N, C-alpha and C. Protein backbone atom coordinates (compact mmCIF):
# COMPACT_ATOMS: atom_id res chain seq x y z
N MET A 1 124.55 130.85 107.60
CA MET A 1 125.14 130.23 109.04
C MET A 1 124.11 129.24 110.09
N SER A 2 125.19 128.30 110.22
CA SER A 2 124.55 127.38 111.34
C SER A 2 125.10 127.19 113.24
N THR A 3 124.66 126.72 113.56
CA THR A 3 125.09 126.83 114.89
C THR A 3 125.37 125.30 115.51
N ILE A 4 126.44 125.46 116.36
CA ILE A 4 126.87 124.34 117.46
C ILE A 4 126.95 124.84 118.72
N ALA A 5 126.11 124.28 119.58
CA ALA A 5 126.38 124.63 121.11
C ALA A 5 126.16 122.76 121.61
N THR A 6 127.29 122.73 122.29
CA THR A 6 127.49 121.64 123.13
C THR A 6 128.05 121.54 124.18
N LYS A 7 127.51 120.67 124.91
CA LYS A 7 128.82 120.63 126.48
C LYS A 7 128.91 118.98 126.63
N HIS A 8 130.13 119.08 127.38
CA HIS A 8 130.66 117.52 127.99
C HIS A 8 130.83 117.58 129.73
N LEU A 9 130.52 116.90 130.13
CA LEU A 9 130.53 116.71 132.10
C LEU A 9 132.03 116.04 131.96
N VAL A 10 133.24 116.79 132.43
CA VAL A 10 134.66 116.03 132.35
C VAL A 10 134.75 115.88 133.99
N HIS A 11 134.67 114.64 134.56
CA HIS A 11 135.52 113.95 135.86
C HIS A 11 136.48 114.05 136.36
N ALA A 12 137.06 115.47 136.57
CA ALA A 12 138.20 116.10 137.08
C ALA A 12 138.27 117.20 137.68
N PRO A 13 139.04 117.86 138.28
CA PRO A 13 139.05 119.17 139.14
C PRO A 13 139.45 120.40 137.95
N ALA A 14 138.58 121.21 138.49
CA ALA A 14 138.32 122.54 137.24
C ALA A 14 139.86 123.31 137.21
N ALA A 15 140.43 123.38 138.32
CA ALA A 15 141.76 124.01 138.16
C ALA A 15 142.63 123.33 137.50
N SER A 16 142.79 121.96 137.05
CA SER A 16 143.32 121.42 136.43
C SER A 16 143.15 121.03 134.58
N ALA A 17 142.29 121.55 134.33
CA ALA A 17 141.55 122.08 133.19
C ALA A 17 142.53 121.98 132.05
N GLY A 18 142.91 123.49 132.17
CA GLY A 18 143.80 123.88 130.93
C GLY A 18 145.27 123.38 130.87
N ARG A 19 145.46 122.92 132.35
CA ARG A 19 146.99 122.07 131.74
C ARG A 19 146.52 120.56 131.42
N PHE A 20 145.58 120.16 131.50
CA PHE A 20 145.02 118.44 131.02
C PHE A 20 144.93 118.90 129.46
N LEU A 21 144.20 119.80 129.33
CA LEU A 21 143.71 120.07 127.87
C LEU A 21 144.70 120.55 127.14
N GLU A 22 145.94 121.08 127.34
CA GLU A 22 147.00 121.53 126.64
C GLU A 22 147.45 120.14 126.59
N GLY A 23 147.64 119.30 127.56
CA GLY A 23 148.50 118.17 127.40
C GLY A 23 147.99 117.11 125.98
N TYR A 24 146.43 117.41 126.24
CA TYR A 24 145.72 116.74 125.00
C TYR A 24 146.24 117.47 123.48
N VAL A 25 146.50 118.71 123.27
CA VAL A 25 146.99 119.34 122.15
C VAL A 25 148.19 118.77 122.23
N ALA A 26 149.04 118.86 122.85
CA ALA A 26 150.40 118.33 122.60
C ALA A 26 150.82 117.29 121.90
N GLU A 27 150.01 115.98 122.34
CA GLU A 27 150.32 114.77 121.64
C GLU A 27 149.41 114.64 120.63
N GLN A 28 149.05 115.58 119.73
CA GLN A 28 148.02 115.11 118.87
C GLN A 28 148.88 116.72 117.84
N PRO A 29 149.52 116.94 117.47
CA PRO A 29 150.19 117.73 116.57
C PRO A 29 149.96 117.80 114.96
N ALA A 30 149.63 118.82 114.27
CA ALA A 30 149.37 118.69 113.01
C ALA A 30 150.71 119.65 111.83
N ARG A 31 151.00 119.52 111.04
CA ARG A 31 151.88 120.10 110.02
C ARG A 31 151.56 121.56 110.12
N ASP A 32 150.82 122.19 110.33
CA ASP A 32 150.10 123.58 110.01
C ASP A 32 149.85 123.95 111.33
N GLY A 33 150.28 123.47 112.67
CA GLY A 33 150.00 123.82 113.85
C GLY A 33 148.15 123.34 114.17
N GLY A 34 148.17 123.27 115.38
CA GLY A 34 146.93 122.63 115.28
C GLY A 34 146.71 121.63 115.80
N VAL A 35 145.80 120.65 115.94
CA VAL A 35 145.92 119.19 116.34
C VAL A 35 144.98 118.75 115.00
N ARG A 36 145.78 117.35 114.48
CA ARG A 36 145.07 116.25 113.55
C ARG A 36 144.17 115.52 114.48
N ILE A 37 142.88 115.64 114.08
CA ILE A 37 141.82 114.75 115.25
C ILE A 37 140.96 114.35 114.13
N VAL A 38 140.86 113.04 114.26
CA VAL A 38 139.47 112.23 113.55
C VAL A 38 138.04 112.79 113.89
N LEU A 39 137.40 113.11 113.51
CA LEU A 39 136.23 113.80 113.60
C LEU A 39 134.92 112.87 113.40
N ARG A 40 134.49 112.40 114.25
CA ARG A 40 133.22 111.37 114.17
C ARG A 40 132.36 111.61 114.41
N ALA A 41 131.09 111.41 113.67
CA ALA A 41 129.72 111.68 113.57
C ALA A 41 128.70 110.46 112.72
N HIS A 42 128.06 109.70 113.66
CA HIS A 42 126.76 108.93 112.57
C HIS A 42 127.34 107.96 111.93
N GLY A 43 128.59 107.38 112.40
CA GLY A 43 129.21 106.45 111.43
C GLY A 43 129.88 107.28 110.18
N LEU A 44 130.39 108.41 110.13
CA LEU A 44 131.07 108.84 109.55
C LEU A 44 132.75 109.43 109.90
N ALA A 45 133.28 109.47 109.63
CA ALA A 45 134.70 109.94 110.22
C ALA A 45 135.49 110.63 108.60
N ARG A 46 136.24 111.86 109.28
CA ARG A 46 137.25 112.36 109.02
C ARG A 46 138.02 113.16 109.09
N PRO A 47 139.59 112.79 108.52
CA PRO A 47 140.75 113.35 109.23
C PRO A 47 140.28 115.35 109.38
N ALA A 48 140.80 115.85 110.51
CA ALA A 48 140.09 117.37 110.24
C ALA A 48 141.49 118.08 110.86
N ILE A 49 141.49 119.31 110.55
CA ILE A 49 142.71 120.04 111.33
C ILE A 49 142.11 120.87 112.76
N VAL A 50 142.27 120.46 113.69
CA VAL A 50 141.72 121.55 114.65
C VAL A 50 142.34 122.31 115.62
N SER A 51 142.04 123.55 115.28
CA SER A 51 142.74 124.63 115.72
C SER A 51 142.45 124.92 117.22
N LEU A 52 143.34 124.98 118.27
CA LEU A 52 142.94 125.78 119.82
C LEU A 52 143.86 126.88 120.16
N THR A 53 143.25 128.06 120.11
CA THR A 53 144.41 129.05 120.43
C THR A 53 143.85 129.72 121.73
N PRO A 54 144.90 129.88 122.52
CA PRO A 54 144.12 130.71 123.99
C PRO A 54 143.78 131.83 123.70
N ALA A 55 142.56 131.95 124.31
CA ALA A 55 141.42 133.36 124.12
C ALA A 55 141.23 133.95 125.28
N GLN A 56 142.10 133.77 126.23
CA GLN A 56 141.47 134.36 127.73
C GLN A 56 141.49 135.61 127.50
N ARG A 57 140.24 136.08 128.48
CA ARG A 57 139.84 137.83 128.76
C ARG A 57 139.85 138.03 130.10
N PRO A 58 140.10 139.16 130.58
CA PRO A 58 140.49 139.99 131.45
C PRO A 58 139.23 139.01 132.78
N GLN A 59 137.98 138.76 132.07
CA GLN A 59 136.69 138.46 133.00
C GLN A 59 136.77 137.10 132.89
N ASP A 60 137.62 136.21 132.37
CA ASP A 60 137.68 134.74 132.30
C ASP A 60 138.32 134.30 133.78
N MET A 61 137.74 133.59 133.90
CA MET A 61 138.29 132.74 135.57
C MET A 61 138.90 131.28 135.09
N ALA A 62 138.62 130.67 133.46
CA ALA A 62 138.95 129.61 133.59
C ALA A 62 139.61 129.59 131.93
N PRO A 63 140.24 128.71 131.57
CA PRO A 63 140.66 128.56 130.34
C PRO A 63 139.60 128.72 129.21
N ARG A 64 140.24 129.35 128.36
CA ARG A 64 138.90 129.82 127.04
C ARG A 64 139.82 129.56 125.57
N TYR A 65 139.38 128.82 124.65
CA TYR A 65 140.36 129.16 123.10
C TYR A 65 139.17 129.43 122.29
N THR A 66 139.64 129.79 121.22
CA THR A 66 139.27 130.17 119.82
C THR A 66 139.20 128.48 118.95
N VAL A 67 138.50 128.01 118.37
CA VAL A 67 138.23 126.52 117.78
C VAL A 67 138.12 127.14 116.32
N HIS A 68 139.00 126.51 115.50
CA HIS A 68 138.66 126.46 114.15
C HIS A 68 139.25 125.18 113.52
N TRP A 69 137.91 124.54 113.09
CA TRP A 69 138.25 123.20 112.14
C TRP A 69 137.81 123.49 110.65
N GLU A 70 138.57 122.36 110.02
CA GLU A 70 137.89 122.00 108.56
C GLU A 70 138.51 120.59 108.19
N ALA A 71 137.90 119.64 107.24
CA ALA A 71 138.70 118.73 106.81
C ALA A 71 139.78 118.62 106.32
N GLU A 72 140.55 117.73 106.38
CA GLU A 72 141.47 117.83 106.20
C GLU A 72 142.15 117.89 104.44
N SER A 73 141.37 117.37 103.77
CA SER A 73 141.35 116.93 102.62
C SER A 73 140.49 117.25 101.79
N THR A 74 139.10 117.91 102.12
CA THR A 74 138.22 118.35 100.87
C THR A 74 137.58 119.80 101.63
N ASP A 75 136.82 119.84 100.34
CA ASP A 75 135.97 121.32 100.87
C ASP A 75 134.76 121.08 100.86
N ARG A 76 134.15 119.87 100.64
CA ARG A 76 132.68 119.22 100.94
C ARG A 76 132.27 119.47 102.10
N TYR A 77 132.98 119.90 103.28
CA TYR A 77 132.72 119.60 104.65
C TYR A 77 132.49 121.12 105.06
N PRO A 78 131.59 121.29 106.33
CA PRO A 78 131.39 122.75 107.05
C PRO A 78 133.25 122.83 107.55
N VAL A 79 133.35 124.60 107.39
CA VAL A 79 134.58 125.05 108.19
C VAL A 79 133.63 125.63 109.44
N PHE A 80 134.32 125.46 110.70
CA PHE A 80 134.03 125.61 112.07
C PHE A 80 134.36 126.30 112.45
N ASP A 81 134.31 127.37 112.94
CA ASP A 81 135.03 128.74 113.81
C ASP A 81 133.74 128.74 115.69
N GLY A 82 134.74 128.83 116.21
CA GLY A 82 134.04 128.92 117.82
C GLY A 82 134.47 128.96 118.82
N ILE A 83 134.05 128.91 119.94
CA ILE A 83 134.60 128.91 121.27
C ILE A 83 134.57 127.70 122.37
N LEU A 84 135.71 127.49 122.77
CA LEU A 84 135.73 126.31 124.00
C LEU A 84 136.09 126.82 125.06
N SER A 85 135.26 126.61 125.96
CA SER A 85 135.58 127.40 127.05
C SER A 85 135.18 126.30 128.35
N ILE A 86 136.01 126.31 129.31
CA ILE A 86 135.68 125.52 131.01
C ILE A 86 134.65 126.33 131.44
N GLU A 87 133.65 125.45 132.02
CA GLU A 87 132.70 126.13 133.08
C GLU A 87 132.66 125.34 134.21
N GLY A 88 132.62 125.57 135.32
CA GLY A 88 132.59 125.14 136.83
C GLY A 88 131.14 124.11 136.87
N SER A 89 131.63 123.74 137.79
CA SER A 89 129.92 123.07 138.25
C SER A 89 130.19 123.08 139.65
N ASP A 90 129.26 122.03 139.95
CA ASP A 90 128.95 122.45 141.67
C ASP A 90 129.43 121.61 142.46
N ASP A 91 130.19 121.17 142.00
CA ASP A 91 131.38 120.36 142.62
C ASP A 91 133.05 120.58 141.99
N TYR A 92 133.97 120.67 143.23
CA TYR A 92 135.02 120.83 142.59
C TYR A 92 135.83 119.47 141.91
N ASP A 93 135.48 118.79 141.78
CA ASP A 93 136.23 117.68 141.39
C ASP A 93 135.52 117.24 139.68
N GLU A 94 135.26 118.31 139.32
CA GLU A 94 134.31 118.19 137.86
C GLU A 94 134.11 119.50 137.18
N PHE A 95 134.24 119.69 135.58
CA PHE A 95 133.48 120.71 135.15
C PHE A 95 133.17 120.36 133.59
N ARG A 96 132.59 121.33 133.08
CA ARG A 96 132.11 121.31 131.74
C ARG A 96 133.18 121.73 130.44
N LEU A 97 133.53 120.79 129.68
CA LEU A 97 133.80 121.79 128.48
C LEU A 97 132.72 121.83 127.38
N ALA A 98 132.48 123.58 127.09
CA ALA A 98 131.81 123.88 126.37
C ALA A 98 131.96 124.36 124.77
N LEU A 99 131.57 123.94 123.78
CA LEU A 99 131.43 124.54 122.71
C LEU A 99 130.37 125.22 122.14
N HIS A 100 130.81 126.17 121.44
CA HIS A 100 129.80 127.10 120.78
C HIS A 100 130.45 127.92 119.62
N GLY A 101 129.93 127.70 118.83
CA GLY A 101 129.83 128.33 117.13
C GLY A 101 129.66 128.11 116.44
N THR A 102 129.60 128.93 114.96
CA THR A 102 129.18 128.68 113.86
C THR A 102 129.89 128.32 112.50
N TYR A 103 129.38 127.65 111.45
CA TYR A 103 129.76 126.85 110.56
C TYR A 103 129.10 127.50 109.33
N ARG A 104 129.09 127.52 107.89
CA ARG A 104 128.40 127.90 106.60
C ARG A 104 128.94 126.61 105.89
N PRO A 105 127.26 125.68 105.92
CA PRO A 105 126.99 124.36 105.14
C PRO A 105 128.06 124.86 103.89
N PRO A 106 128.62 124.08 103.33
CA PRO A 106 129.37 124.01 101.99
C PRO A 106 128.14 123.69 100.64
N LEU A 107 128.38 123.65 99.69
CA LEU A 107 127.47 123.35 98.32
C LEU A 107 126.62 124.58 98.27
N GLY A 108 126.37 125.20 98.73
CA GLY A 108 125.31 126.45 98.48
C GLY A 108 123.89 125.75 98.67
N LEU A 109 123.01 126.35 98.00
CA LEU A 109 121.36 126.00 98.42
C LEU A 109 121.24 124.38 98.89
N ALA A 110 121.94 123.74 97.85
CA ALA A 110 121.84 122.23 98.00
C ALA A 110 122.59 121.95 99.65
N GLY A 111 123.51 122.38 99.94
CA GLY A 111 124.29 122.16 101.07
C GLY A 111 123.52 122.95 102.50
N ALA A 112 122.93 124.30 102.21
CA ALA A 112 121.88 124.68 103.23
C ALA A 112 120.89 123.91 103.39
N ALA A 113 120.42 123.27 102.07
CA ALA A 113 119.18 122.15 102.44
C ALA A 113 119.26 120.63 103.21
N PHE A 114 120.67 120.42 102.84
CA PHE A 114 121.25 119.13 103.59
C PHE A 114 121.37 119.77 105.09
N ASP A 115 121.60 120.73 105.46
CA ASP A 115 122.00 120.74 106.80
C ASP A 115 120.83 120.99 107.63
N ALA A 116 119.94 121.85 106.64
CA ALA A 116 118.49 122.19 107.64
C ALA A 116 117.81 120.60 107.92
N ILE A 117 118.02 119.58 107.13
CA ILE A 117 117.69 118.17 107.13
C ILE A 117 118.11 117.65 108.34
N VAL A 118 119.50 117.09 108.30
CA VAL A 118 120.30 116.05 108.50
C VAL A 118 121.60 117.03 109.19
N GLY A 119 122.40 117.98 108.71
CA GLY A 119 123.85 117.91 108.31
C GLY A 119 123.75 119.10 109.63
N ASN A 120 123.08 119.70 110.18
CA ASN A 120 123.43 120.23 111.41
C ASN A 120 123.44 119.49 112.74
N ARG A 121 122.48 118.63 113.05
CA ARG A 121 122.40 117.35 113.46
C ARG A 121 124.37 116.61 113.65
N ILE A 122 124.39 116.15 112.53
CA ILE A 122 125.80 115.80 112.12
C ILE A 122 126.99 116.10 112.47
N ALA A 123 126.63 117.95 112.31
CA ALA A 123 127.60 118.68 112.63
C ALA A 123 127.62 118.73 114.08
N THR A 124 126.65 118.91 115.26
CA THR A 124 126.57 119.00 116.37
C THR A 124 127.11 117.66 117.09
N GLN A 125 126.63 116.52 116.28
CA GLN A 125 127.49 115.34 116.81
C GLN A 125 129.01 115.24 116.91
N THR A 126 129.40 115.89 115.25
CA THR A 126 131.10 116.00 115.71
C THR A 126 131.35 116.81 116.90
N GLY A 127 130.73 117.89 117.17
CA GLY A 127 131.32 118.55 118.36
C GLY A 127 131.00 117.92 119.58
N THR A 128 129.93 117.04 119.68
CA THR A 128 130.09 116.40 120.69
C THR A 128 131.15 114.93 120.94
N GLU A 129 131.29 114.41 120.08
CA GLU A 129 132.24 113.87 119.55
C GLU A 129 133.68 114.10 119.87
N LEU A 130 134.19 115.44 119.74
CA LEU A 130 135.22 116.05 119.72
C LEU A 130 135.19 116.34 121.50
N LEU A 131 134.41 116.95 121.72
CA LEU A 131 134.60 117.34 123.42
C LEU A 131 134.66 115.61 124.28
N THR A 132 133.91 114.55 123.83
CA THR A 132 134.04 113.58 124.82
C THR A 132 135.70 112.57 124.65
N ALA A 133 136.27 112.95 123.27
CA ALA A 133 137.51 112.62 123.27
C ALA A 133 138.67 113.25 124.32
N MET A 134 138.26 114.89 124.05
CA MET A 134 139.02 115.83 124.84
C MET A 134 138.71 115.25 126.61
N ALA A 135 137.25 114.97 126.78
CA ALA A 135 137.06 114.27 128.41
C ALA A 135 137.73 113.34 128.47
N ASP A 136 137.64 112.07 127.42
CA ASP A 136 138.49 110.95 128.11
C ASP A 136 139.65 110.92 128.63
N ASP A 137 140.52 112.33 127.53
CA ASP A 137 142.22 111.89 127.77
C ASP A 137 142.33 112.98 128.89
N ILE A 138 141.54 114.08 129.44
CA ILE A 138 141.65 114.26 130.51
C ILE A 138 141.19 113.50 131.64
N GLU A 139 140.43 113.07 131.88
CA GLU A 139 139.86 111.94 132.89
C GLU A 139 141.00 110.81 132.83
N ARG A 140 141.83 110.13 131.89
CA ARG A 140 142.82 109.47 132.33
C ARG A 140 143.76 110.08 132.53
N ARG A 141 144.58 111.24 132.06
CA ARG A 141 145.26 111.97 132.74
C ARG A 141 145.11 112.16 134.19
N PHE A 142 144.31 112.92 134.55
CA PHE A 142 144.06 113.29 135.87
C PHE A 142 143.93 111.64 136.91
N ALA A 143 143.59 110.42 136.27
CA ALA A 143 143.60 109.27 136.94
C ALA A 143 144.97 108.77 136.71
N ASP A 144 146.07 109.25 135.86
CA ASP A 144 147.19 108.82 136.10
C ASP A 144 148.05 109.61 137.08
N GLN A 145 147.70 111.20 137.15
CA GLN A 145 148.30 111.67 137.73
C GLN A 145 147.86 111.27 139.21
N GLU A 146 146.66 110.98 139.52
CA GLU A 146 146.16 110.37 141.27
C GLU A 146 146.79 109.01 141.17
N ALA A 147 147.23 108.25 140.21
CA ALA A 147 148.07 106.56 140.79
C ALA A 147 149.21 107.20 141.00
N SER A 148 150.41 108.46 140.07
CA SER A 148 151.50 108.45 140.32
C SER A 148 151.33 109.02 141.82
N LYS A 149 151.07 109.47 142.64
CA LYS A 149 150.53 110.02 144.03
C LYS A 149 150.99 108.81 144.96
N ARG A 150 149.78 107.87 144.48
CA ARG A 150 150.04 106.85 145.60
C ARG A 150 151.62 105.80 145.27
N HIS A 151 152.48 106.14 144.39
CA HIS A 151 153.49 105.28 144.26
C HIS A 151 154.98 106.20 144.97
């Protein structure tokens, strides 16, 4: 098993993180539930189905989701399972999206060798790109909300 652990700073209030993230998910539905997203990394792009399921625990102060993603049309790519969480910041006007999880490289020993050389960097970059897309959408939603208050 290989791991992905990445974070992305979002310039929007942490108190609104869950609502804005739910808006992002609602705008990109997939046939099988979840979200259809084109995952990108190092010039590669693959449509994937990403499932986000609320996974709030009693001790959690912020939203938390289980994450599962797999390529939409092939088994030559890893299947990822992990946790997407909202982490606070020192400033109430920002928070971090944090993604942590594991995947098993496909194609047996050849896949494991590829993963050790370059695959894990691609997988981590894919997670980072996913968080960046989510953060950009959340920041846009926040800006739109604030602009509507001025009118």
